[in-house]
Amino acid sequence: MTKAEILKREILAQYKSVRQFAIDMSIPYSTLVTALDRGIEGMAYGTVIRMCDKLNLNPVDFSTLEKGTDLGNKIVENRVMLQYVKLNKVGRKKVLDYMSDMTALEKYQA
């Protein structure tokens, strides 16, 4: 399934019509229909991100995000995990130990 097909499926699952979604997103209907028919590669990156955020989709792989998930946090989590899985056992332990130390310091707590 292409990204455009995933988007269209999610739009129709969450909205009455593609037109309603276009209105809600302030995107010209004809632009959205063309993108869904021909592929989203020509759309502005910011528009695709806004659409994914509205539909609770991960803009990297278009998988479904949980409702209420902050997209920015999810992207950061993905980046951290992509680097973490590249580490061997010793490297992973060192990273986890370091993160444990950092979270114990009030200055670094969220």
Protein backbone atom coordinates (compact mmCIF):
# COMPACT_ATOMS: atom_id res chain seq x y z
CA MET A 1 0.00 0.00 0.00
CA THR A 2 1.43 3.40 -0.98
CA LYS A 3 1.59 6.37 1.37
CA ALA A 4 -1.11 8.11 -0.67
CA GLU A 5 -3.37 5.06 -0.30
CA ILE A 6 -2.74 4.96 3.45
CA LEU A 7 -3.58 8.66 3.70
CA LYS A 8 -6.77 8.25 1.70
CA ARG A 9 -7.84 5.25 3.80
CA GLU A 10 -7.28 7.20 7.03
CA ILE A 11 -9.01 10.31 5.71
CA LEU A 12 -12.10 8.31 4.78
CA ALA A 13 -12.02 6.44 8.09
CA GLN A 14 -11.91 9.66 10.12
CA TYR A 15 -13.87 12.10 7.94
CA LYS A 16 -17.08 12.01 5.94
CA SER A 17 -15.18 12.76 2.74
CA VAL A 18 -11.86 13.85 1.27
CA ARG A 19 -13.48 17.25 0.62
CA GLN A 20 -14.31 17.66 4.32
CA PHE A 21 -10.72 16.83 5.27
CA ALA A 22 -9.41 19.34 2.69
CA ILE A 23 -11.64 22.04 4.16
CA ASP A 24 -10.58 21.17 7.71
CA MET A 25 -6.90 21.32 6.70
CA SER A 26 -7.29 24.45 4.52
CA ILE A 27 -5.86 22.57 1.54
CA PRO A 28 -7.37 23.10 -1.91
CA TYR A 29 -9.54 20.07 -2.63
CA SER A 30 -8.12 19.66 -6.15
CA THR A 31 -4.55 19.64 -4.76
CA LEU A 32 -5.40 16.96 -2.23
CA VAL A 33 -7.24 14.76 -4.73
CA THR A 34 -4.36 15.03 -7.21
CA ALA A 35 -1.85 14.09 -4.51
CA LEU A 36 -3.92 11.12 -3.39
CA ASP A 37 -4.30 9.91 -6.99
CA ARG A 38 -0.74 10.52 -8.21
CA GLY A 39 1.26 10.22 -4.99
CA ILE A 40 2.21 12.65 -2.26
CA GLU A 41 5.84 13.03 -3.33
CA GLY A 42 5.05 16.40 -4.96
CA MET A 43 3.34 17.84 -1.89
CA ALA A 44 5.07 20.27 0.42
CA TYR A 45 6.74 18.46 3.31
CA GLY A 46 5.05 20.72 5.86
CA THR A 47 1.64 19.90 4.43
CA VAL A 48 2.28 16.17 4.65
CA ILE A 49 3.46 16.56 8.26
CA ARG A 50 0.31 18.56 9.15
CA MET A 51 -1.87 15.93 7.51
CA CYS A 52 -0.12 13.11 9.37
CA ASP A 53 -0.44 14.99 12.64
CA LYS A 54 -4.17 15.53 12.06
CA LEU A 55 -4.69 11.85 11.18
CA ASN A 56 -2.42 10.53 13.96
CA LEU A 57 0.02 8.95 11.50
CA ASN A 58 3.77 8.68 11.85
CA PRO A 59 5.17 10.78 8.95
CA VAL A 60 8.16 8.45 8.59
CA ASP A 61 6.39 5.16 7.91
CA PHE A 62 2.70 6.24 8.01
CA SER A 63 1.92 3.81 10.81
CA THR A 64 -0.91 4.73 13.17
CA LEU A 65 0.01 6.66 16.31
CA GLU A 66 -1.98 6.45 19.51
CA LYS A 67 -4.54 9.22 20.00
CA GLY A 68 -3.04 12.15 21.86
CA THR A 69 0.53 11.21 20.94
CA ASP A 70 2.71 14.26 20.44
CA LEU A 71 4.23 13.89 16.99
CA GLY A 72 7.42 15.73 17.93
CA ASN A 73 8.05 13.40 20.86
CA LYS A 74 7.38 10.35 18.69
CA ILE A 75 9.94 11.53 16.11
CA VAL A 76 12.55 12.07 18.83
CA GLU A 77 11.84 8.60 20.23
CA ASN A 78 12.33 7.13 16.75
CA ARG A 79 15.65 8.92 16.32
CA VAL A 80 16.90 7.76 19.73
CA MET A 81 15.87 4.16 19.10
CA LEU A 82 17.42 4.11 15.62
CA GLN A 83 20.77 5.00 17.19
CA TYR A 84 20.31 2.73 20.22
CA VAL A 85 19.74 -0.42 18.17
CA LYS A 86 23.06 0.15 16.40
CA LEU A 87 24.92 -0.33 19.69
CA ASN A 88 26.30 -3.58 21.03
CA LYS A 89 25.48 -4.87 24.52
CA VAL A 90 28.23 -2.84 26.21
CA GLY A 91 27.22 0.35 24.39
CA ARG A 92 23.56 -0.11 25.26
CA LYS A 93 24.38 -0.60 28.95
CA LYS A 94 26.54 2.51 28.94
CA VAL A 95 23.77 4.61 27.34
CA LEU A 96 21.16 3.35 29.80
CA ASP A 97 23.50 4.03 32.76
CA TYR A 98 24.17 7.54 31.46
CA MET A 99 20.46 8.25 30.96
CA SER A 100 19.77 7.00 34.49
CA ASP A 101 22.40 9.38 35.87
CA MET A 102 21.03 12.31 33.85
CA THR A 103 17.42 11.75 34.90
CA ALA A 104 18.50 11.74 38.56
CA LEU A 105 19.72 15.33 38.19
CA GLU A 106 16.94 17.87 38.61
CA LYS A 107 18.55 20.17 36.06
CA TYR A 108 17.86 17.63 33.24
CA GLN A 109 14.40 16.44 34.28
CA ALA A 110 11.46 17.19 31.99
